[in-house]
Protein backbone atom coordinates (compact mmCIF):
# COMPACT_ATOMS: atom_id res chain seq x y z
CA MET A 1 0.04 0.07 -0.09
CA VAL A 2 1.51 3.94 -0.90
CA LYS A 3 0.83 6.18 1.52
CA ILE A 4 0.68 9.51 -0.35
CA ALA A 5 2.06 11.91 1.76
CA GLU A 6 -0.80 14.89 1.23
CA ALA A 7 -3.28 12.88 2.19
CA THR A 8 -1.15 12.14 5.30
CA ASN A 9 -0.89 15.66 6.10
CA ARG A 10 -4.36 16.50 5.55
CA LEU A 11 -5.54 13.35 7.80
CA PHE A 12 -3.21 13.83 10.72
CA LYS A 13 -1.34 17.45 10.55
CA ASN A 14 -2.07 19.71 13.20
CA VAL A 15 -5.05 17.35 14.67
CA PHE A 16 -5.54 17.01 18.24
CA VAL A 17 -7.98 14.69 20.22
CA CYS A 18 -9.66 16.15 23.46
CA LYS A 19 -8.89 13.69 26.29
CA ASN A 20 -12.37 14.32 27.95
CA CYS A 21 -14.68 14.36 25.35
CA LYS A 22 -12.95 12.58 22.51
CA THR A 23 -13.39 15.68 19.99
CA LYS A 24 -10.89 16.42 17.29
CA VAL A 25 -9.58 19.94 17.04
CA ARG A 26 -7.42 21.59 14.29
CA ALA A 27 -4.96 23.42 15.86
CA ASP A 28 -0.84 24.32 16.13
CA PRO A 29 1.01 22.22 18.24
CA GLN A 30 2.96 25.34 20.00
CA ARG A 31 -0.38 26.41 20.90
CA ILE A 32 -1.86 23.30 22.06
CA LEU A 33 1.51 22.92 24.51
CA LYS A 34 0.82 26.42 25.71
CA GLY A 35 -2.20 25.69 26.54
CA LEU A 36 -4.23 28.48 24.44
CA VAL A 37 -6.39 26.25 22.82
CA LYS A 38 -9.64 25.09 24.10
CA CYS A 39 -12.06 22.19 23.42
CA ARG A 40 -15.22 23.53 21.60
CA LYS A 41 -17.51 21.18 23.43
CA CYS A 42 -16.49 20.64 26.89
CA LYS A 43 -13.92 23.73 27.65
CA LYS A 44 -11.14 21.85 28.66
CA ARG A 45 -7.53 22.25 27.54
CA ALA A 46 -5.99 18.62 27.64
CA PHE A 47 -5.25 17.40 24.42
CA ARG A 48 -3.53 14.42 22.53
CA PRO A 49 -2.20 13.56 18.86
CA LEU A 50 -4.46 11.91 16.81
CA ARG A 51 -3.34 8.16 16.27
CA LYS A 52 -2.23 6.92 12.97
CA LYS A 53 -4.05 3.77 12.22
């Protein structure tokens, strides 16, 4: 199976998942680390990177 770089970037680059409500958010990693991004649903600031399958 050939992995296309453009598709991988579109699906996984700068995508994070809320640890509380599992909502996906696209944001800059530096802003996530500084705690400047809030979840739209639960308003928490705890995120993890999206897992690649």
